[in-house]
Amino acid sequence: MISEELLNHYRQQGMKLRVVRDDYPANDVKGIVVAWDDTTVLIRKQNRRVLKLDRRYHYQPFIEERFSEWDLNKERPNDEWSGQPHFR
């Protein structure tokens, strides 16, 4: 879970974050920290919509390479977009 100090740092800097929710980059959320409580974080997206996300997700600066612990646990098919959604 992300710490209070790190959330406060990201909020004060206005840093754009990437929230990695699963192993598919299309499901990532990109935005800035607005507020948080013990279990959730509010993220404002570029289109000004606000999402309430669980604090257990992986939060990282958008400029960093995408973190994916799922890649370490299993092999994935070719990541090139085939036009078909991936269902598992």
PDB file of N, CA and C in Angstrom:
ATOM      1  N   MET A   1       0.853  -1.173   0.000  1.00  0.00           N
ATOM      2  CA  MET A   1       0.000   0.000   0.000  1.00  0.00           C
ATOM      3  C   MET A   1       0.900   1.237   0.000  1.00  0.00           C
ATOM      4  N   ILE A   2       0.514   2.241  -0.761  1.00  0.00           N
ATOM      5  CA  ILE A   2       1.299   3.459  -0.881  1.00  0.00           C
ATOM      6  C   ILE A   2       1.206   4.272   0.417  1.00  0.00           C
ATOM      7  N   SER A   3       2.306   4.880   0.810  1.00  0.00           N
ATOM      8  CA  SER A   3       2.370   5.602   2.081  1.00  0.00           C
ATOM      9  C   SER A   3       1.740   6.994   1.979  1.00  0.00           C
ATOM     10  N   GLU A   4       1.362   7.524   3.149  1.00  0.00           N
ATOM     11  CA  GLU A   4       0.816   8.882   3.241  1.00  0.00           C
ATOM     12  C   GLU A   4       1.834   9.900   2.741  1.00  0.00           C
ATOM     13  N   GLU A   5       3.097   9.699   3.119  1.00  0.00           N
ATOM     14  CA  GLU A   5       4.153  10.641   2.742  1.00  0.00           C
ATOM     15  C   GLU A   5       4.336  10.706   1.227  1.00  0.00           C
ATOM     16  N   LEU A   6       4.319   9.551   0.590  1.00  0.00           N
ATOM     17  CA  LEU A   6       4.496   9.518  -0.858  1.00  0.00           C
ATOM     18  C   LEU A   6       3.296  10.139  -1.571  1.00  0.00           C
ATOM     19  N   LEU A   7       2.090   9.837  -1.099  1.00  0.00           N
ATOM     20  CA  LEU A   7       0.895  10.464  -1.688  1.00  0.00           C
ATOM     21  C   LEU A   7       0.946  11.982  -1.535  1.00  0.00           C
ATOM     22  N   ASN A   8       1.350  12.441  -0.367  1.00  0.00           N
ATOM     23  CA  ASN A   8       1.435  13.880  -0.129  1.00  0.00           C
ATOM     24  C   ASN A   8       2.484  14.521  -1.040  1.00  0.00           C
ATOM     25  N   HIS A   9       3.611  13.842  -1.229  1.00  0.00           N
ATOM     26  CA  HIS A   9       4.656  14.342  -2.129  1.00  0.00           C
ATOM     27  C   HIS A   9       4.121  14.461  -3.560  1.00  0.00           C
ATOM     28  N   TYR A  10       3.462  13.408  -4.047  1.00  0.00           N
ATOM     29  CA  TYR A  10       2.908  13.437  -5.403  1.00  0.00           C
ATOM     30  C   TYR A  10       1.866  14.551  -5.547  1.00  0.00           C
ATOM     31  N   ARG A  11       1.018  14.741  -4.533  1.00  0.00           N
ATOM     32  CA  ARG A  11      -0.014  15.781  -4.586  1.00  0.00           C
ATOM     33  C   ARG A  11       0.608  17.172  -4.614  1.00  0.00           C
ATOM     34  N   GLN A  12       1.568  17.426  -3.744  1.00  0.00           N
ATOM     35  CA  GLN A  12       2.200  18.741  -3.671  1.00  0.00           C
ATOM     36  C   GLN A  12       2.964  19.078  -4.945  1.00  0.00           C
ATOM     37  N   GLN A  13       3.579  18.092  -5.551  1.00  0.00           N
ATOM     38  CA  GLN A  13       4.334  18.313  -6.787  1.00  0.00           C
ATOM     39  C   GLN A  13       3.423  18.395  -8.013  1.00  0.00           C
ATOM     40  N   GLY A  14       2.171  17.941  -7.870  1.00  0.00           N
ATOM     41  CA  GLY A  14       1.276  17.902  -9.025  1.00  0.00           C
ATOM     42  C   GLY A  14       1.769  16.913 -10.065  1.00  0.00           C
ATOM     43  N   MET A  15       2.435  15.861  -9.604  1.00  0.00           N
ATOM     44  CA  MET A  15       3.056  14.891 -10.499  1.00  0.00           C
ATOM     45  C   MET A  15       2.013  13.974 -11.140  1.00  0.00           C
ATOM     46  N   LYS A  16       2.142  13.806 -12.455  1.00  0.00           N
ATOM     47  CA  LYS A  16       1.258  12.887 -13.164  1.00  0.00           C
ATOM     48  C   LYS A  16       1.682  11.460 -12.854  1.00  0.00           C
ATOM     49  N   LEU A  17       0.709  10.644 -12.436  1.00  0.00           N
ATOM     50  CA  LEU A  17       0.988   9.270 -12.038  1.00  0.00           C
ATOM     51  C   LEU A  17       0.372   8.273 -12.997  1.00  0.00           C
ATOM     52  N   ARG A  18       0.910   7.067 -12.936  1.00  0.00           N
ATOM     53  CA  ARG A  18       0.326   5.917 -13.606  1.00  0.00           C
ATOM     54  C   ARG A  18      -0.089   4.962 -12.492  1.00  0.00           C
ATOM     55  N   VAL A  19      -1.341   4.528 -12.508  1.00  0.00           N
ATOM     56  CA  VAL A  19      -1.835   3.556 -11.541  1.00  0.00           C
ATOM     57  C   VAL A  19      -1.996   2.239 -12.287  1.00  0.00           C
ATOM     58  N   VAL A  20      -1.161   1.264 -11.929  1.00  0.00           N
ATOM     59  CA  VAL A  20      -1.170  -0.041 -12.582  1.00  0.00           C
ATOM     60  C   VAL A  20      -2.125  -0.935 -11.795  1.00  0.00           C
ATOM     61  N   ARG A  21      -3.232  -1.319 -12.462  1.00  0.00           N
ATOM     62  CA  ARG A  21      -4.253  -2.114 -11.788  1.00  0.00           C
ATOM     63  C   ARG A  21      -4.182  -3.596 -12.137  1.00  0.00           C
ATOM     64  N   ASP A  22      -3.654  -3.931 -13.297  1.00  0.00           N
ATOM     65  CA  ASP A  22      -3.494  -5.323 -13.707  1.00  0.00           C
ATOM     66  C   ASP A  22      -2.424  -5.393 -14.773  1.00  0.00           C
ATOM     67  N   ASP A  23      -2.288  -6.523 -15.439  1.00  0.00           N
ATOM     68  CA  ASP A  23      -1.183  -6.696 -16.375  1.00  0.00           C
ATOM     69  C   ASP A  23      -1.422  -6.095 -17.757  1.00  0.00           C
ATOM     70  N   TYR A  24      -2.570  -5.468 -17.982  1.00  0.00           N
ATOM     71  CA  TYR A  24      -2.850  -4.862 -19.287  1.00  0.00           C
ATOM     72  C   TYR A  24      -2.691  -3.353 -19.224  1.00  0.00           C
ATOM     73  N   PRO A  25      -1.742  -2.790 -19.973  1.00  0.00           N
ATOM     74  CA  PRO A  25      -1.507  -1.346 -19.945  1.00  0.00           C
ATOM     75  C   PRO A  25      -2.742  -0.512 -20.288  1.00  0.00           C
ATOM     76  N   ALA A  26      -3.653  -1.049 -21.064  1.00  0.00           N
ATOM     77  CA  ALA A  26      -4.864  -0.304 -21.416  1.00  0.00           C
ATOM     78  C   ALA A  26      -5.737  -0.021 -20.197  1.00  0.00           C
ATOM     79  N   ASN A  27      -5.558  -0.778 -19.124  1.00  0.00           N
ATOM     80  CA  ASN A  27      -6.342  -0.580 -17.905  1.00  0.00           C
ATOM     81  C   ASN A  27      -5.673   0.354 -16.909  1.00  0.00           C
ATOM     82  N   ASP A  28      -4.514   0.892 -17.255  1.00  0.00           N
ATOM     83  CA  ASP A  28      -3.841   1.838 -16.368  1.00  0.00           C
ATOM     84  C   ASP A  28      -4.630   3.134 -16.288  1.00  0.00           C
ATOM     85  N   VAL A  29      -4.526   3.798 -15.153  1.00  0.00           N
ATOM     86  CA  VAL A  29      -5.144   5.112 -14.964  1.00  0.00           C
ATOM     87  C   VAL A  29      -4.013   6.128 -14.885  1.00  0.00           C
ATOM     88  N   LYS A  30      -4.151   7.232 -15.617  1.00  0.00           N
ATOM     89  CA  LYS A  30      -3.142   8.281 -15.613  1.00  0.00           C
ATOM     90  C   LYS A  30      -3.781   9.561 -15.095  1.00  0.00           C
ATOM     91  N   GLY A  31      -3.149  10.195 -14.110  1.00  0.00           N
ATOM     92  CA  GLY A  31      -3.699  11.429 -13.564  1.00  0.00           C
ATOM     93  C   GLY A  31      -2.910  11.890 -12.354  1.00  0.00           C
ATOM     94  N   ILE A  32      -3.470  12.865 -11.629  1.00  0.00           N
ATOM     95  CA  ILE A  32      -2.798  13.420 -10.454  1.00  0.00           C
ATOM     96  C   ILE A  32      -3.597  13.118  -9.191  1.00  0.00           C
ATOM     97  N   VAL A  33      -2.898  13.043  -8.071  1.00  0.00           N
ATOM     98  CA  VAL A  33      -3.527  12.769  -6.784  1.00  0.00           C
ATOM     99  C   VAL A  33      -4.283  14.009  -6.320  1.00  0.00           C
ATOM    100  N   VAL A  34      -5.538  13.801  -5.924  1.00  0.00           N
ATOM    101  CA  VAL A  34      -6.359  14.891  -5.402  1.00  0.00           C
ATOM    102  C   VAL A  34      -6.508  14.755  -3.889  1.00  0.00           C
ATOM    103  N   ALA A  35      -6.853  13.560  -3.427  1.00  0.00           N
ATOM    104  CA  ALA A  35      -7.066  13.309  -2.001  1.00  0.00           C
ATOM    105  C   ALA A  35      -6.978  11.814  -1.744  1.00  0.00           C
ATOM    106  N   TRP A  36      -6.965  11.438  -0.462  1.00  0.00           N
ATOM    107  CA  TRP A  36      -6.930  10.034  -0.101  1.00  0.00           C
ATOM    108  C   TRP A  36      -7.436   9.856   1.320  1.00  0.00           C
ATOM    109  N   ASP A  37      -7.770   8.611   1.638  1.00  0.00           N
ATOM    110  CA  ASP A  37      -8.100   8.230   3.007  1.00  0.00           C
ATOM    111  C   ASP A  37      -7.381   6.920   3.299  1.00  0.00           C
ATOM    112  N   ASP A  38      -7.828   6.184   4.290  1.00  0.00           N
ATOM    113  CA  ASP A  38      -7.121   4.963   4.695  1.00  0.00           C
ATOM    114  C   ASP A  38      -7.122   3.869   3.637  1.00  0.00           C
ATOM    115  N   THR A  39      -8.127   3.827   2.773  1.00  0.00           N
ATOM    116  CA  THR A  39      -8.238   2.718   1.823  1.00  0.00           C
ATOM    117  C   THR A  39      -8.305   3.140   0.359  1.00  0.00           C
ATOM    118  N   THR A  40      -8.538   4.418   0.071  1.00  0.00           N
ATOM    119  CA  THR A  40      -8.724   4.852  -1.317  1.00  0.00           C
ATOM    120  C   THR A  40      -7.926   6.107  -1.639  1.00  0.00           C
ATOM    121  N   VAL A  41      -7.748   6.341  -2.949  1.00  0.00           N
ATOM    122  CA  VAL A  41      -7.070   7.533  -3.465  1.00  0.00           C
ATOM    123  C   VAL A  41      -7.946   8.119  -4.564  1.00  0.00           C
ATOM    124  N   LEU A  42      -8.129   9.443  -4.560  1.00  0.00           N
ATOM    125  CA  LEU A  42      -8.838  10.111  -5.646  1.00  0.00           C
ATOM    126  C   LEU A  42      -7.816  10.603  -6.656  1.00  0.00           C
ATOM    127  N   ILE A  43      -7.994  10.216  -7.910  1.00  0.00           N
ATOM    128  CA  ILE A  43      -7.103  10.601  -9.011  1.00  0.00           C
ATOM    129  C   ILE A  43      -7.907  11.415 -10.021  1.00  0.00           C
ATOM    130  N   ARG A  44      -7.399  12.602 -10.369  1.00  0.00           N
ATOM    131  CA  ARG A  44      -8.044  13.416 -11.413  1.00  0.00           C
ATOM    132  C   ARG A  44      -7.351  13.134 -12.724  1.00  0.00           C
ATOM    133  N   LYS A  45      -8.140  12.636 -13.679  1.00  0.00           N
ATOM    134  CA  LYS A  45      -7.617  12.338 -15.008  1.00  0.00           C
ATOM    135  C   LYS A  45      -7.504  13.627 -15.818  1.00  0.00           C
ATOM    136  N   GLN A  46      -6.860  13.540 -16.979  1.00  0.00           N
ATOM    137  CA  GLN A  46      -6.659  14.712 -17.826  1.00  0.00           C
ATOM    138  C   GLN A  46      -7.994  15.294 -18.287  1.00  0.00           C
ATOM    139  N   ASN A  47      -9.023  14.448 -18.458  1.00  0.00           N
ATOM    140  CA  ASN A  47     -10.327  14.937 -18.897  1.00  0.00           C
ATOM    141  C   ASN A  47     -11.156  15.480 -17.726  1.00  0.00           C
ATOM    142  N   ARG A  48     -10.518  15.653 -16.563  1.00  0.00           N
ATOM    143  CA  ARG A  48     -11.084  16.223 -15.337  1.00  0.00           C
ATOM    144  C   ARG A  48     -12.045  15.316 -14.595  1.00  0.00           C
ATOM    145  N   ARG A  49     -12.187  14.099 -15.053  1.00  0.00           N
ATOM    146  CA  ARG A  49     -12.983  13.133 -14.292  1.00  0.00           C
ATOM    147  C   ARG A  49     -12.148  12.654 -13.116  1.00  0.00           C
ATOM    148  N   VAL A  50     -12.827  12.330 -12.033  1.00  0.00           N
ATOM    149  CA  VAL A  50     -12.144  11.882 -10.824  1.00  0.00           C
ATOM    150  C   VAL A  50     -12.514  10.428 -10.569  1.00  0.00           C
ATOM    151  N   LEU A  51     -11.487   9.612 -10.297  1.00  0.00           N
ATOM    152  CA  LEU A  51     -11.690   8.196  -9.998  1.00  0.00           C
ATOM    153  C   LEU A  51     -11.267   7.909  -8.571  1.00  0.00           C
ATOM    154  N   LYS A  52     -12.017   7.056  -7.924  1.00  0.00           N
ATOM    155  CA  LYS A  52     -11.686   6.606  -6.579  1.00  0.00           C
ATOM    156  C   LYS A  52     -11.076   5.213  -6.699  1.00  0.00           C
ATOM    157  N   LEU A  53      -9.787   5.101  -6.385  1.00  0.00           N
ATOM    158  CA  LEU A  53      -9.050   3.856  -6.572  1.00  0.00           C
ATOM    159  C   LEU A  53      -8.528   3.320  -5.249  1.00  0.00           C
ATOM    160  N   ASP A  54      -8.354   2.025  -5.190  1.00  0.00           N
ATOM    161  CA  ASP A  54      -7.837   1.365  -4.004  1.00  0.00           C
ATOM    162  C   ASP A  54      -6.366   1.722  -3.797  1.00  0.00           C
ATOM    163  N   ARG A  55      -5.964   1.914  -2.557  1.00  0.00           N
ATOM    164  CA  ARG A  55      -4.570   2.250  -2.260  1.00  0.00           C
ATOM    165  C   ARG A  55      -3.628   1.069  -2.471  1.00  0.00           C
ATOM    166  N   ARG A  56      -4.150  -0.136  -2.631  1.00  0.00           N
ATOM    167  CA  ARG A  56      -3.296  -1.310  -2.831  1.00  0.00           C
ATOM    168  C   ARG A  56      -2.760  -1.418  -4.253  1.00  0.00           C
ATOM    169  N   TYR A  57      -3.294  -0.625  -5.198  1.00  0.00           N
ATOM    170  CA  TYR A  57      -2.745  -0.632  -6.553  1.00  0.00           C
ATOM    171  C   TYR A  57      -1.329  -0.062  -6.535  1.00  0.00           C
ATOM    172  N   HIS A  58      -0.613  -0.258  -7.637  1.00  0.00           N
ATOM    173  CA  HIS A  58       0.757   0.253  -7.750  1.00  0.00           C
ATOM    174  C   HIS A  58       0.715   1.658  -8.348  1.00  0.00           C
ATOM    175  N   TYR A  59       1.226   2.645  -7.605  1.00  0.00           N
ATOM    176  CA  TYR A  59       1.273   4.040  -8.046  1.00  0.00           C
ATOM    177  C   TYR A  59       2.713   4.383  -8.376  1.00  0.00           C
ATOM    178  N   GLN A  60       2.930   4.983  -9.559  1.00  0.00           N
ATOM    179  CA  GLN A  60       4.277   5.363  -9.965  1.00  0.00           C
ATOM    180  C   GLN A  60       4.207   6.609 -10.835  1.00  0.00           C
ATOM    181  N   PRO A  61       5.293   7.407 -10.868  1.00  0.00           N
ATOM    182  CA  PRO A  61       5.313   8.560 -11.774  1.00  0.00           C
ATOM    183  C   PRO A  61       5.135   8.090 -13.224  1.00  0.00           C
ATOM    184  N   PHE A  62       4.382   8.859 -13.994  1.00  0.00           N
ATOM    185  CA  PHE A  62       4.064   8.480 -15.364  1.00  0.00           C
ATOM    186  C   PHE A  62       5.316   8.386 -16.229  1.00  0.00           C
ATOM    187  N   ILE A  63       6.329   9.185 -15.922  1.00  0.00           N
ATOM    188  CA  ILE A  63       7.537   9.207 -16.761  1.00  0.00           C
ATOM    189  C   ILE A  63       8.387   7.952 -16.595  1.00  0.00           C
ATOM    190  N   GLU A  64       8.170   7.184 -15.521  1.00  0.00           N
ATOM    191  CA  GLU A  64       8.925   5.946 -15.323  1.00  0.00           C
ATOM    192  C   GLU A  64       8.367   4.823 -16.194  1.00  0.00           C
ATOM    193  N   GLU A  65       9.232   3.842 -16.489  1.00  0.00           N
ATOM    194  CA  GLU A  65       8.789   2.678 -17.244  1.00  0.00           C
ATOM    195  C   GLU A  65       7.729   1.933 -16.439  1.00  0.00           C
ATOM    196  N   ARG A  66       6.738   1.412 -17.137  1.00  0.00           N
ATOM    197  CA  ARG A  66       5.598   0.758 -16.486  1.00  0.00           C
ATOM    198  C   ARG A  66       6.037  -0.455 -15.676  1.00  0.00           C
ATOM    199  N   PHE A  67       5.606  -0.490 -14.413  1.00  0.00           N
ATOM    200  CA  PHE A  67       5.861  -1.619 -13.530  1.00  0.00           C
ATOM    201  C   PHE A  67       4.818  -2.686 -13.791  1.00  0.00           C
ATOM    202  N   SER A  68       5.261  -3.946 -13.846  1.00  0.00           N
ATOM    203  CA  SER A  68       4.292  -5.025 -13.995  1.00  0.00           C
ATOM    204  C   SER A  68       4.816  -6.273 -13.319  1.00  0.00           C
ATOM    205  N   GLU A  69       4.356  -6.538 -12.111  1.00  0.00           N
ATOM    206  CA  GLU A  69       4.739  -7.767 -11.413  1.00  0.00           C
ATOM    207  C   GLU A  69       4.139  -8.988 -12.080  1.00  0.00           C
ATOM    208  N   TRP A  70       3.089  -8.787 -12.854  1.00  0.00           N
ATOM    209  CA  TRP A  70       2.442  -9.912 -13.521  1.00  0.00           C
ATOM    210  C   TRP A  70       3.330 -10.522 -14.596  1.00  0.00           C
ATOM    211  N   ASP A  71       4.172  -9.706 -15.220  1.00  0.00           N
ATOM    212  CA  ASP A  71       5.086 -10.220 -16.237  1.00  0.00           C
ATOM    213  C   ASP A  71       6.082 -11.211 -15.639  1.00  0.00           C
ATOM    214  N   LEU A  72       6.370 -11.070 -14.363  1.00  0.00           N
ATOM    215  CA  LEU A  72       7.334 -11.953 -13.727  1.00  0.00           C
ATOM    216  C   LEU A  72       6.730 -13.310 -13.397  1.00  0.00           C
ATOM    217  N   ASN A  73       5.402 -13.363 -13.269  1.00  0.00           N
ATOM    218  CA  ASN A  73       4.743 -14.573 -12.806  1.00  0.00           C
ATOM    219  C   ASN A  73       4.268 -15.510 -13.914  1.00  0.00           C
ATOM    220  N   LYS A  74       4.096 -14.987 -15.107  1.00  0.00           N
ATOM    221  CA  LYS A  74       3.590 -15.850 -16.164  1.00  0.00           C
ATOM    222  C   LYS A  74       3.996 -15.303 -17.530  1.00  0.00           C
ATOM    223  N   GLU A  75       4.004 -16.161 -18.497  1.00  0.00           N
ATOM    224  CA  GLU A  75       4.308 -15.738 -19.856  1.00  0.00           C
ATOM    225  C   GLU A  75       3.071 -15.140 -20.476  1.00  0.00           C
ATOM    226  N   ARG A  76       3.252 -14.119 -21.271  1.00  0.00           N
ATOM    227  CA  ARG A  76       2.135 -13.464 -21.930  1.00  0.00           C
ATOM    228  C   ARG A  76       2.249 -13.681 -23.424  1.00  0.00           C
ATOM    229  N   PRO A  77       1.120 -13.668 -24.114  1.00  0.00           N
ATOM    230  CA  PRO A  77       1.177 -13.746 -25.573  1.00  0.00           C
ATOM    231  C   PRO A  77       1.775 -12.466 -26.139  1.00  0.00           C
ATOM    232  N   ASN A  78       2.047 -12.479 -27.417  1.00  0.00           N
ATOM    233  CA  ASN A  78       2.580 -11.299 -28.093  1.00  0.00           C
ATOM    234  C   ASN A  78       1.716 -10.088 -27.760  1.00  0.00           C
ATOM    235  N   ASP A  79       2.339  -8.986 -27.326  1.00  0.00           N
ATOM    236  CA  ASP A  79       1.605  -7.804 -26.892  1.00  0.00           C
ATOM    237  C   ASP A  79       1.116  -6.923 -28.039  1.00  0.00           C
ATOM    238  N   GLU A  80       1.416  -7.286 -29.256  1.00  0.00           N
ATOM    239  CA  GLU A  80       0.948  -6.464 -30.371  1.00  0.00           C
ATOM    240  C   GLU A  80      -0.565  -6.528 -30.434  1.00  0.00           C
ATOM    241  N   TRP A  81      -1.186  -5.404 -30.670  1.00  0.00           N
ATOM    242  CA  TRP A  81      -2.646  -5.303 -30.711  1.00  0.00           C
ATOM    243  C   TRP A  81      -3.159  -6.019 -31.950  1.00  0.00           C
ATOM    244  N   SER A  82      -4.006  -7.007 -31.747  1.00  0.00           N
ATOM    245  CA  SER A  82      -4.550  -7.773 -32.854  1.00  0.00           C
ATOM    246  C   SER A  82      -5.961  -7.339 -33.218  1.00  0.00           C
ATOM    247  N   GLY A  83      -6.482  -6.347 -32.480  1.00  0.00           N
ATOM    248  CA  GLY A  83      -7.844  -5.911 -32.737  1.00  0.00           C
ATOM    249  C   GLY A  83      -8.870  -6.670 -31.924  1.00  0.00           C
ATOM    250  N   GLN A  84      -8.424  -7.723 -31.240  1.00  0.00           N
ATOM    251  CA  GLN A  84      -9.298  -8.530 -30.421  1.00  0.00           C
ATOM    252  C   GLN A  84      -8.974  -8.293 -28.946  1.00  0.00           C
ATOM    253  N   PRO A  85      -9.986  -8.166 -28.095  1.00  0.00           N
ATOM    254  CA  PRO A  85      -9.702  -8.013 -26.663  1.00  0.00           C
ATOM    255  C   PRO A  85      -9.170  -9.314 -26.081  1.00  0.00           C
ATOM    256  N   HIS A  86      -8.378  -9.197 -25.027  1.00  0.00           N
ATOM    257  CA  HIS A  86      -7.830 -10.356 -24.346  1.00  0.00           C
ATOM    258  C   HIS A  86      -8.726 -10.693 -23.165  1.00  0.00           C
ATOM    259  N   PHE A  87      -9.237 -11.889 -23.124  1.00  0.00           N
ATOM    260  CA  PHE A  87     -10.061 -12.323 -22.002  1.00  0.00           C
ATOM    261  C   PHE A  87      -9.388 -13.519 -21.356  1.00  0.00           C
ATOM    262  N   ARG A  88      -9.310 -13.500 -20.043  1.00  0.00           N
ATOM    263  CA  ARG A  88      -8.708 -14.622 -19.305  1.00  0.00           C
ATOM    264  C   ARG A  88      -9.598 -14.979 -18.180  1.00  0.00           C
TER     265      ARG A  88
END
